[in-house]
All heavy atoms as atom14 arrays in JSON, in Angstrom:
{
  "sequence": "WLPSEEQWRVRLEGQPARTDMNVSDAGTMRLEGSLERATTVGAV",
  "atom14_mask": [
    [1, 1, 1, 1, 1, 1, 1, 1, 1, 1, 1, 1, 1, 1],
    [1, 1, 1, 1, 1, 1, 1, 1, 0, 0, 0, 0, 0, 0],
    [1, 1, 1, 1, 1, 1, 1, 0, 0, 0, 0, 0, 0, 0],
    [1, 1, 1, 1, 1, 1, 0, 0, 0, 0, 0, 0, 0, 0],
    [1, 1, 1, 1, 1, 1, 1, 1, 1, 0, 0, 0, 0, 0],
    [1, 1, 1, 1, 1, 1, 1, 1, 1, 0, 0, 0, 0, 0],
    [1, 1, 1, 1, 1, 1, 1, 1, 1, 0, 0, 0, 0, 0],
    [1, 1, 1, 1, 1, 1, 1, 1, 1, 1, 1, 1, 1, 1],
    [1, 1, 1, 1, 1, 1, 1, 1, 1, 1, 1, 0, 0, 0],
    [1, 1, 1, 1, 1, 1, 1, 0, 0, 0, 0, 0, 0, 0],
    [1, 1, 1, 1, 1, 1, 1, 1, 1, 1, 1, 0, 0, 0],
    [1, 1, 1, 1, 1, 1, 1, 1, 0, 0, 0, 0, 0, 0],
    [1, 1, 1, 1, 1, 1, 1, 1, 1, 0, 0, 0, 0, 0],
    [1, 1, 1, 1, 0, 0, 0, 0, 0, 0, 0, 0, 0, 0],
    [1, 1, 1, 1, 1, 1, 1, 1, 1, 0, 0, 0, 0, 0],
    [1, 1, 1, 1, 1, 1, 1, 0, 0, 0, 0, 0, 0, 0],
    [1, 1, 1, 1, 1, 0, 0, 0, 0, 0, 0, 0, 0, 0],
    [1, 1, 1, 1, 1, 1, 1, 1, 1, 1, 1, 0, 0, 0],
    [1, 1, 1, 1, 1, 1, 1, 0, 0, 0, 0, 0, 0, 0],
    [1, 1, 1, 1, 1, 1, 1, 1, 0, 0, 0, 0, 0, 0],
    [1, 1, 1, 1, 1, 1, 1, 1, 0, 0, 0, 0, 0, 0],
    [1, 1, 1, 1, 1, 1, 1, 1, 0, 0, 0, 0, 0, 0],
    [1, 1, 1, 1, 1, 1, 1, 0, 0, 0, 0, 0, 0, 0],
    [1, 1, 1, 1, 1, 1, 0, 0, 0, 0, 0, 0, 0, 0],
    [1, 1, 1, 1, 1, 1, 1, 1, 0, 0, 0, 0, 0, 0],
    [1, 1, 1, 1, 1, 0, 0, 0, 0, 0, 0, 0, 0, 0],
    [1, 1, 1, 1, 0, 0, 0, 0, 0, 0, 0, 0, 0, 0],
    [1, 1, 1, 1, 1, 1, 1, 0, 0, 0, 0, 0, 0, 0],
    [1, 1, 1, 1, 1, 1, 1, 1, 0, 0, 0, 0, 0, 0],
    [1, 1, 1, 1, 1, 1, 1, 1, 1, 1, 1, 0, 0, 0],
    [1, 1, 1, 1, 1, 1, 1, 1, 0, 0, 0, 0, 0, 0],
    [1, 1, 1, 1, 1, 1, 1, 1, 1, 0, 0, 0, 0, 0],
    [1, 1, 1, 1, 0, 0, 0, 0, 0, 0, 0, 0, 0, 0],
    [1, 1, 1, 1, 1, 1, 0, 0, 0, 0, 0, 0, 0, 0],
    [1, 1, 1, 1, 1, 1, 1, 1, 0, 0, 0, 0, 0, 0],
    [1, 1, 1, 1, 1, 1, 1, 1, 1, 0, 0, 0, 0, 0],
    [1, 1, 1, 1, 1, 1, 1, 1, 1, 1, 1, 0, 0, 0],
    [1, 1, 1, 1, 1, 0, 0, 0, 0, 0, 0, 0, 0, 0],
    [1, 1, 1, 1, 1, 1, 1, 0, 0, 0, 0, 0, 0, 0],
    [1, 1, 1, 1, 1, 1, 1, 0, 0, 0, 0, 0, 0, 0],
    [1, 1, 1, 1, 1, 1, 1, 0, 0, 0, 0, 0, 0, 0],
    [1, 1, 1, 1, 0, 0, 0, 0, 0, 0, 0, 0, 0, 0],
    [1, 1, 1, 1, 1, 0, 0, 0, 0, 0, 0, 0, 0, 0],
    [1, 1, 1, 1, 1, 1, 1, 0, 0, 0, 0, 0, 0, 0]
  ],
  "atom14_positions": [
    [[4.06, 3.6, -9.91], [4.21, 4.2, -11.26], [2.95, 4.82, -11.71], [1.84, 4.84, -11.0], [4.65, 3.03, -12.25], [3.55, 1.99, -12.49], [2.73, 1.9, -13.6], [3.15, 0.89, -11.71], [1.94, 0.77, -13.45], [2.16, 0.14, -12.37], [3.61, 0.48, -10.44], [1.74, -1.04, -11.79], [3.1, -0.72, -9.93], [2.15, -1.42, -10.67]],
    [[3.03, 5.4, -12.79], [1.93, 6.39, -13.34], [1.51, 5.72, -14.82], [2.15, 6.19, -15.67], [2.42, 7.85, -13.54], [1.32, 8.84, -13.76], [0.48, 9.13, -12.54], [1.96, 10.21, -14.2], [0.0, 0.0, 0.0], [0.0, 0.0, 0.0], [0.0, 0.0, 0.0], [0.0, 0.0, 0.0], [0.0, 0.0, 0.0], [0.0, 0.0, 0.0]],
    [[0.37, 4.96, -14.75], [0.0, 4.37, -16.02], [-0.78, 5.38, -16.88], [-0.7, 5.21, -18.17], [-0.91, 3.22, -15.62], [-1.38, 3.61, -14.27], [-0.28, 4.45, -13.6], [0.0, 0.0, 0.0], [0.0, 0.0, 0.0], [0.0, 0.0, 0.0], [0.0, 0.0, 0.0], [0.0, 0.0, 0.0], [0.0, 0.0, 0.0], [0.0, 0.0, 0.0]],
    [[-1.3, 6.39, -16.34], [-2.04, 7.46, -17.12], [-1.72, 8.74, -16.42], [-1.37, 8.82, -15.22], [-3.54, 7.17, -17.33], [-4.12, 7.16, -15.96], [0.0, 0.0, 0.0], [0.0, 0.0, 0.0], [0.0, 0.0, 0.0], [0.0, 0.0, 0.0], [0.0, 0.0, 0.0], [0.0, 0.0, 0.0], [0.0, 0.0, 0.0], [0.0, 0.0, 0.0]],
    [[-2.12, 9.79, -16.97], [-1.85, 11.16, -16.49], [-2.5, 11.51, -15.13], [-1.93, 12.22, -14.4], [-2.2, 12.21, -17.44], [-1.27, 12.24, -18.72], [-1.59, 13.43, -19.6], [-2.49, 14.23, -19.37], [-0.95, 13.69, -20.72], [0.0, 0.0, 0.0], [0.0, 0.0, 0.0], [0.0, 0.0, 0.0], [0.0, 0.0, 0.0], [0.0, 0.0, 0.0]],
    [[-3.54, 10.93, -14.92], [-4.41, 11.12, -13.8], [-4.41, 10.12, -12.74], [-5.06, 10.08, -11.69], [-5.86, 11.59, -14.16], [-5.92, 12.67, -15.09], [-5.46, 14.01, -14.4], [-5.59, 14.08, -13.13], [-4.81, 14.83, -14.97], [0.0, 0.0, 0.0], [0.0, 0.0, 0.0], [0.0, 0.0, 0.0], [0.0, 0.0, 0.0], [0.0, 0.0, 0.0]],
    [[-3.67, 8.95, -12.88], [-3.73, 7.78, -12.09], [-2.41, 7.15, -11.75], [-1.45, 7.04, -12.51], [-4.65, 6.59, -12.76], [-5.0, 5.57, -11.91], [-5.69, 4.45, -12.63], [-5.04, 3.58, -13.32], [-6.98, 4.39, -12.55], [0.0, 0.0, 0.0], [0.0, 0.0, 0.0], [0.0, 0.0, 0.0], [0.0, 0.0, 0.0], [0.0, 0.0, 0.0]],
    [[-2.17, 6.8, -10.44], [-1.08, 6.19, -10.01], [-1.45, 4.7, -9.72], [-2.65, 4.51, -9.3], [-0.48, 6.77, -8.67], [0.33, 8.02, -8.9], [1.54, 8.27, -9.17], [-0.29, 9.25, -8.58], [1.81, 9.57, -9.26], [0.71, 10.25, -8.82], [-1.51, 9.76, -8.02], [0.57, 11.63, -8.64], [-1.7, 11.21, -7.76], [-0.71, 12.06, -8.11]],
    [[-0.57, 3.8, -9.9], [-0.71, 2.42, -9.49], [0.33, 2.13, -8.35], [1.5, 2.53, -8.48], [-0.47, 1.36, -10.65], [-1.57, 1.41, -11.78], [-2.79, 0.92, -11.3], [-2.65, -0.48, -10.95], [-3.83, -1.4, -10.7], [-4.89, -0.77, -10.45], [-3.58, -2.56, -10.31], [0.0, 0.0, 0.0], [0.0, 0.0, 0.0], [0.0, 0.0, 0.0]],
    [[-0.19, 1.37, -7.4], [0.79, 1.04, -6.18], [0.62, -0.4, -5.91], [-0.43, -0.99, -6.09], [0.28, 1.89, -4.95], [-1.17, 1.62, -4.61], [1.23, 1.65, -3.86], [0.0, 0.0, 0.0], [0.0, 0.0, 0.0], [0.0, 0.0, 0.0], [0.0, 0.0, 0.0], [0.0, 0.0, 0.0], [0.0, 0.0, 0.0], [0.0, 0.0, 0.0]],
    [[1.76, -0.97, -5.46], [1.89, -2.31, -5.07], [2.71, -2.52, -3.87], [3.81, -1.92, -3.83], [2.39, -3.24, -6.23], [2.31, -4.76, -5.83], [2.66, -5.59, -7.12], [3.89, -5.27, -7.7], [4.07, -4.8, -8.99], [3.02, -4.54, -9.63], [5.33, -4.58, -9.39], [0.0, 0.0, 0.0], [0.0, 0.0, 0.0], [0.0, 0.0, 0.0]],
    [[2.31, -3.27, -2.88], [3.04, -3.35, -1.57], [2.87, -4.89, -1.06], [1.72, -5.33, -1.15], [2.6, -2.42, -0.48], [3.21, -2.51, 0.92], [4.74, -2.27, 0.87], [2.42, -1.62, 1.88], [0.0, 0.0, 0.0], [0.0, 0.0, 0.0], [0.0, 0.0, 0.0], [0.0, 0.0, 0.0], [0.0, 0.0, 0.0], [0.0, 0.0, 0.0]],
    [[3.95, -5.45, -0.68], [3.81, -6.77, -0.04], [4.97, -6.86, 0.99], [6.03, -6.52, 0.97], [4.09, -7.86, -1.19], [4.06, -9.26, -0.65], [4.28, -10.28, -1.78], [3.86, -9.99, -2.88], [4.68, -11.45, -1.43], [0.0, 0.0, 0.0], [0.0, 0.0, 0.0], [0.0, 0.0, 0.0], [0.0, 0.0, 0.0], [0.0, 0.0, 0.0]],
    [[4.56, -7.57, 2.15], [5.43, -7.73, 3.25], [4.91, -8.59, 4.22], [3.88, -9.12, 4.28], [0.0, 0.0, 0.0], [0.0, 0.0, 0.0], [0.0, 0.0, 0.0], [0.0, 0.0, 0.0], [0.0, 0.0, 0.0], [0.0, 0.0, 0.0], [0.0, 0.0, 0.0], [0.0, 0.0, 0.0], [0.0, 0.0, 0.0], [0.0, 0.0, 0.0]],
    [[5.78, -8.86, 5.3], [5.5, -9.77, 6.45], [5.26, -8.91, 7.63], [6.19, -8.26, 8.16], [6.63, -10.83, 6.68], [6.47, -12.04, 5.76], [6.88, -11.67, 4.32], [7.83, -10.89, 4.03], [6.07, -12.12, 3.35], [0.0, 0.0, 0.0], [0.0, 0.0, 0.0], [0.0, 0.0, 0.0], [0.0, 0.0, 0.0], [0.0, 0.0, 0.0]],
    [[3.99, -8.99, 8.36], [3.8, -8.2, 9.42], [4.59, -8.72, 10.73], [4.83, -9.92, 10.84], [2.26, -8.43, 9.82], [1.99, -9.73, 9.05], [2.82, -9.82, 7.98], [0.0, 0.0, 0.0], [0.0, 0.0, 0.0], [0.0, 0.0, 0.0], [0.0, 0.0, 0.0], [0.0, 0.0, 0.0], [0.0, 0.0, 0.0], [0.0, 0.0, 0.0]],
    [[5.08, -7.88, 11.65], [5.75, -8.28, 12.81], [5.57, -7.34, 13.88], [5.0, -6.24, 13.73], [7.31, -8.26, 12.36], [0.0, 0.0, 0.0], [0.0, 0.0, 0.0], [0.0, 0.0, 0.0], [0.0, 0.0, 0.0], [0.0, 0.0, 0.0], [0.0, 0.0, 0.0], [0.0, 0.0, 0.0], [0.0, 0.0, 0.0], [0.0, 0.0, 0.0]],
    [[6.05, -7.61, 15.13], [6.02, -6.73, 16.13], [7.43, -6.52, 16.74], [8.36, -7.4, 16.56], [5.26, -7.48, 17.4], [3.68, -7.44, 17.24], [3.12, -7.87, 18.39], [3.15, -6.87, 19.6], [2.21, -6.1, 19.92], [1.04, -6.12, 19.33], [2.28, -5.38, 21.0], [0.0, 0.0, 0.0], [0.0, 0.0, 0.0], [0.0, 0.0, 0.0]],
    [[7.71, -5.35, 17.26], [8.96, -5.01, 17.73], [9.37, -5.4, 19.06], [10.37, -5.41, 19.53], [9.3, -3.52, 17.42], [8.28, -2.74, 18.22], [9.17, -2.98, 15.97], [0.0, 0.0, 0.0], [0.0, 0.0, 0.0], [0.0, 0.0, 0.0], [0.0, 0.0, 0.0], [0.0, 0.0, 0.0], [0.0, 0.0, 0.0], [0.0, 0.0, 0.0]],
    [[8.27, -5.63, 19.92], [8.37, -5.91, 21.31], [8.36, -7.48, 21.68], [8.33, -7.72, 22.77], [7.43, -5.21, 22.14], [5.85, -5.59, 21.73], [5.85, -6.12, 20.62], [5.09, -5.13, 22.32], [0.0, 0.0, 0.0], [0.0, 0.0, 0.0], [0.0, 0.0, 0.0], [0.0, 0.0, 0.0], [0.0, 0.0, 0.0], [0.0, 0.0, 0.0]],
    [[8.1, -8.3, 20.7], [8.2, -9.74, 20.92], [8.34, -10.41, 19.54], [8.45, -9.93, 18.54], [6.78, -10.13, 21.47], [5.58, -10.07, 20.5], [4.18, -10.84, 21.26], [4.05, -10.06, 22.8], [0.0, 0.0, 0.0], [0.0, 0.0, 0.0], [0.0, 0.0, 0.0], [0.0, 0.0, 0.0], [0.0, 0.0, 0.0], [0.0, 0.0, 0.0]],
    [[8.77, -11.87, 19.72], [9.09, -12.6, 18.61], [7.73, -13.19, 18.02], [7.08, -13.95, 18.71], [9.98, -13.73, 19.02], [10.39, -14.61, 17.84], [10.33, -14.18, 16.66], [10.7, -15.77, 18.09], [0.0, 0.0, 0.0], [0.0, 0.0, 0.0], [0.0, 0.0, 0.0], [0.0, 0.0, 0.0], [0.0, 0.0, 0.0], [0.0, 0.0, 0.0]],
    [[7.32, -12.74, 16.83], [6.19, -13.26, 16.12], [6.86, -14.07, 14.88], [7.33, -13.32, 13.89], [5.18, -12.19, 15.62], [4.1, -12.83, 14.89], [4.71, -11.51, 16.76], [0.0, 0.0, 0.0], [0.0, 0.0, 0.0], [0.0, 0.0, 0.0], [0.0, 0.0, 0.0], [0.0, 0.0, 0.0], [0.0, 0.0, 0.0], [0.0, 0.0, 0.0]],
    [[6.9, -15.42, 14.98], [7.74, -16.18, 14.02], [7.13, -16.21, 12.69], [7.86, -16.0, 11.66], [7.79, -17.52, 14.52], [6.49, -18.13, 14.76], [0.0, 0.0, 0.0], [0.0, 0.0, 0.0], [0.0, 0.0, 0.0], [0.0, 0.0, 0.0], [0.0, 0.0, 0.0], [0.0, 0.0, 0.0], [0.0, 0.0, 0.0], [0.0, 0.0, 0.0]],
    [[5.85, -16.2, 12.59], [5.13, -16.21, 11.16], [3.79, -15.76, 11.28], [2.84, -16.47, 11.81], [5.28, -17.79, 10.61], [4.5, -17.66, 9.23], [4.25, -16.71, 8.56], [4.16, -18.85, 8.82], [0.0, 0.0, 0.0], [0.0, 0.0, 0.0], [0.0, 0.0, 0.0], [0.0, 0.0, 0.0], [0.0, 0.0, 0.0], [0.0, 0.0, 0.0]],
    [[3.5, -14.61, 10.76], [2.12, -14.05, 10.9], [1.54, -13.83, 9.45], [0.62, -13.05, 9.28], [2.09, -12.68, 11.62], [0.0, 0.0, 0.0], [0.0, 0.0, 0.0], [0.0, 0.0, 0.0], [0.0, 0.0, 0.0], [0.0, 0.0, 0.0], [0.0, 0.0, 0.0], [0.0, 0.0, 0.0], [0.0, 0.0, 0.0], [0.0, 0.0, 0.0]],
    [[1.95, -14.57, 8.52], [1.45, -14.59, 7.18], [1.92, -13.51, 6.27], [3.11, -12.9, 6.66], [0.0, 0.0, 0.0], [0.0, 0.0, 0.0], [0.0, 0.0, 0.0], [0.0, 0.0, 0.0], [0.0, 0.0, 0.0], [0.0, 0.0, 0.0], [0.0, 0.0, 0.0], [0.0, 0.0, 0.0], [0.0, 0.0, 0.0], [0.0, 0.0, 0.0]],
    [[1.34, -13.22, 5.21], [1.77, -12.1, 4.25], [0.59, -11.17, 4.07], [-0.53, -11.66, 3.78], [2.16, -12.86, 2.87], [3.19, -13.71, 3.15], [2.68, -11.84, 1.91], [0.0, 0.0, 0.0], [0.0, 0.0, 0.0], [0.0, 0.0, 0.0], [0.0, 0.0, 0.0], [0.0, 0.0, 0.0], [0.0, 0.0, 0.0], [0.0, 0.0, 0.0]],
    [[0.99, -9.94, 4.09], [0.0, -8.85, 3.66], [0.4, -8.19, 2.31], [1.65, -8.07, 1.94], [0.05, -7.7, 4.61], [-0.47, -8.14, 6.06], [-0.45, -6.73, 7.21], [-1.35, -7.54, 8.68], [0.0, 0.0, 0.0], [0.0, 0.0, 0.0], [0.0, 0.0, 0.0], [0.0, 0.0, 0.0], [0.0, 0.0, 0.0], [0.0, 0.0, 0.0]],
    [[-0.69, -8.0, 1.57], [-0.45, -7.46, 0.19], [-1.48, -6.33, 0.0], [-2.57, -6.31, 0.55], [-0.63, -8.45, -0.92], [0.26, -9.54, -0.85], [-0.02, -10.56, -2.04], [1.06, -11.59, -2.08], [0.97, -12.78, -1.43], [-0.1, -13.07, -0.63], [1.81, -13.69, -1.48], [0.0, 0.0, 0.0], [0.0, 0.0, 0.0], [0.0, 0.0, 0.0]],
    [[-1.05, -5.31, -0.72], [-1.92, -4.16, -1.18], [-1.62, -3.81, -2.58], [-0.52, -3.68, -2.88], [-1.7, -2.99, -0.23], [-2.41, -1.66, -0.61], [-3.76, -1.84, -0.33], [-1.82, -0.42, 0.21], [0.0, 0.0, 0.0], [0.0, 0.0, 0.0], [0.0, 0.0, 0.0], [0.0, 0.0, 0.0], [0.0, 0.0, 0.0], [0.0, 0.0, 0.0]],
    [[-2.67, -3.69, -3.43], [-2.42, -3.35, -4.76], [-3.77, -2.63, -5.21], [-4.87, -2.76, -4.91], [-2.25, -4.54, -5.65], [-1.94, -4.19, -7.14], [-1.54, -5.33, -7.89], [-1.49, -6.52, -7.25], [-1.16, -5.32, -9.14], [0.0, 0.0, 0.0], [0.0, 0.0, 0.0], [0.0, 0.0, 0.0], [0.0, 0.0, 0.0], [0.0, 0.0, 0.0]],
    [[-3.53, -1.48, -6.14], [-4.58, -0.72, -6.68], [-4.18, 0.61, -7.18], [-2.96, 0.85, -7.59], [0.0, 0.0, 0.0], [0.0, 0.0, 0.0], [0.0, 0.0, 0.0], [0.0, 0.0, 0.0], [0.0, 0.0, 0.0], [0.0, 0.0, 0.0], [0.0, 0.0, 0.0], [0.0, 0.0, 0.0], [0.0, 0.0, 0.0], [0.0, 0.0, 0.0]],
    [[-5.13, 1.49, -7.28], [-4.84, 2.74, -8.02], [-5.26, 4.01, -7.07], [-6.28, 3.79, -6.26], [-5.51, 2.86, -9.27], [-7.1, 2.76, -9.17], [0.0, 0.0, 0.0], [0.0, 0.0, 0.0], [0.0, 0.0, 0.0], [0.0, 0.0, 0.0], [0.0, 0.0, 0.0], [0.0, 0.0, 0.0], [0.0, 0.0, 0.0], [0.0, 0.0, 0.0]],
    [[-4.64, 5.08, -7.27], [-4.95, 6.31, -6.59], [-5.01, 7.33, -7.74], [-4.26, 7.41, -8.66], [-4.05, 6.8, -5.55], [-3.88, 5.9, -4.36], [-2.67, 4.86, -4.61], [-3.46, 6.72, -3.09], [0.0, 0.0, 0.0], [0.0, 0.0, 0.0], [0.0, 0.0, 0.0], [0.0, 0.0, 0.0], [0.0, 0.0, 0.0], [0.0, 0.0, 0.0]],
    [[-5.86, 8.26, -7.8], [-6.04, 9.28, -8.61], [-5.74, 10.74, -8.18], [-5.8, 10.98, -6.92], [-7.5, 9.27, -9.3], [-7.79, 8.02, -10.1], [-9.1, 8.09, -10.67], [-9.77, 9.16, -10.79], [-9.54, 6.81, -11.11], [0.0, 0.0, 0.0], [0.0, 0.0, 0.0], [0.0, 0.0, 0.0], [0.0, 0.0, 0.0], [0.0, 0.0, 0.0]],
    [[-5.5, 11.69, -8.97], [-5.11, 13.03, -8.66], [-6.46, 13.71, -8.06], [-7.56, 13.49, -8.44], [-4.69, 13.89, -9.73], [-3.3, 13.37, -10.33], [-2.85, 14.37, -11.46], [-1.73, 13.74, -12.21], [-0.43, 14.13, -11.84], [-0.26, 14.95, -10.9], [0.52, 13.75, -12.42], [0.0, 0.0, 0.0], [0.0, 0.0, 0.0], [0.0, 0.0, 0.0]],
    [[-6.19, 14.64, -7.1], [-7.31, 15.47, -6.51], [-6.72, 16.66, -5.76], [-5.5, 16.62, -5.42], [-8.14, 14.61, -5.49], [0.0, 0.0, 0.0], [0.0, 0.0, 0.0], [0.0, 0.0, 0.0], [0.0, 0.0, 0.0], [0.0, 0.0, 0.0], [0.0, 0.0, 0.0], [0.0, 0.0, 0.0], [0.0, 0.0, 0.0], [0.0, 0.0, 0.0]],
    [[-7.47, 17.59, -5.51], [-6.98, 18.79, -4.8], [-6.59, 18.58, -3.26], [-5.82, 19.2, -2.72], [-8.11, 19.94, -4.89], [-9.28, 19.57, -4.44], [-8.12, 20.31, -6.42], [0.0, 0.0, 0.0], [0.0, 0.0, 0.0], [0.0, 0.0, 0.0], [0.0, 0.0, 0.0], [0.0, 0.0, 0.0], [0.0, 0.0, 0.0], [0.0, 0.0, 0.0]],
    [[-7.38, 17.64, -2.66], [-7.26, 17.41, -1.3], [-7.02, 15.83, -1.14], [-7.47, 15.0, -2.0], [-8.4, 17.79, -0.34], [-9.48, 17.09, -0.67], [-8.52, 19.43, -0.56], [0.0, 0.0, 0.0], [0.0, 0.0, 0.0], [0.0, 0.0, 0.0], [0.0, 0.0, 0.0], [0.0, 0.0, 0.0], [0.0, 0.0, 0.0], [0.0, 0.0, 0.0]],
    [[-6.44, 15.4, 0.02], [-6.33, 14.0, 0.26], [-7.53, 13.24, 0.47], [-7.68, 12.2, -0.11], [-5.4, 13.8, 1.55], [-5.22, 12.28, 1.76], [-3.94, 14.36, 1.36], [0.0, 0.0, 0.0], [0.0, 0.0, 0.0], [0.0, 0.0, 0.0], [0.0, 0.0, 0.0], [0.0, 0.0, 0.0], [0.0, 0.0, 0.0], [0.0, 0.0, 0.0]],
    [[-8.42, 13.91, 1.03], [-9.76, 13.31, 1.28], [-10.58, 13.09, -0.04], [-11.39, 12.11, -0.07], [0.0, 0.0, 0.0], [0.0, 0.0, 0.0], [0.0, 0.0, 0.0], [0.0, 0.0, 0.0], [0.0, 0.0, 0.0], [0.0, 0.0, 0.0], [0.0, 0.0, 0.0], [0.0, 0.0, 0.0], [0.0, 0.0, 0.0], [0.0, 0.0, 0.0]],
    [[-10.18, 13.84, -0.99], [-10.97, 13.62, -2.29], [-10.31, 12.71, -3.31], [-10.84, 12.53, -4.26], [-11.15, 15.09, -2.88], [0.0, 0.0, 0.0], [0.0, 0.0, 0.0], [0.0, 0.0, 0.0], [0.0, 0.0, 0.0], [0.0, 0.0, 0.0], [0.0, 0.0, 0.0], [0.0, 0.0, 0.0], [0.0, 0.0, 0.0], [0.0, 0.0, 0.0]],
    [[-9.1, 12.24, -2.86], [-8.43, 11.26, -3.75], [-9.24, 10.01, -4.0], [-9.43, 9.26, -3.12], [-7.07, 10.91, -3.2], [-6.33, 9.86, -3.98], [-6.11, 12.19, -3.1], [0.0, 0.0, 0.0], [0.0, 0.0, 0.0], [0.0, 0.0, 0.0], [0.0, 0.0, 0.0], [0.0, 0.0, 0.0], [0.0, 0.0, 0.0], [0.0, 0.0, 0.0]]
  ]
}
């Protein structure tokens, strides 16, 4: 979502896994924070 004109907020949560084998429980990964506008991706 966009809390202000120049900043996005992002939130992601999920369980890591592998497609080539059974990984029964590898914990939980989370990501949260903000990204701001810029002319290039490297400058974000």
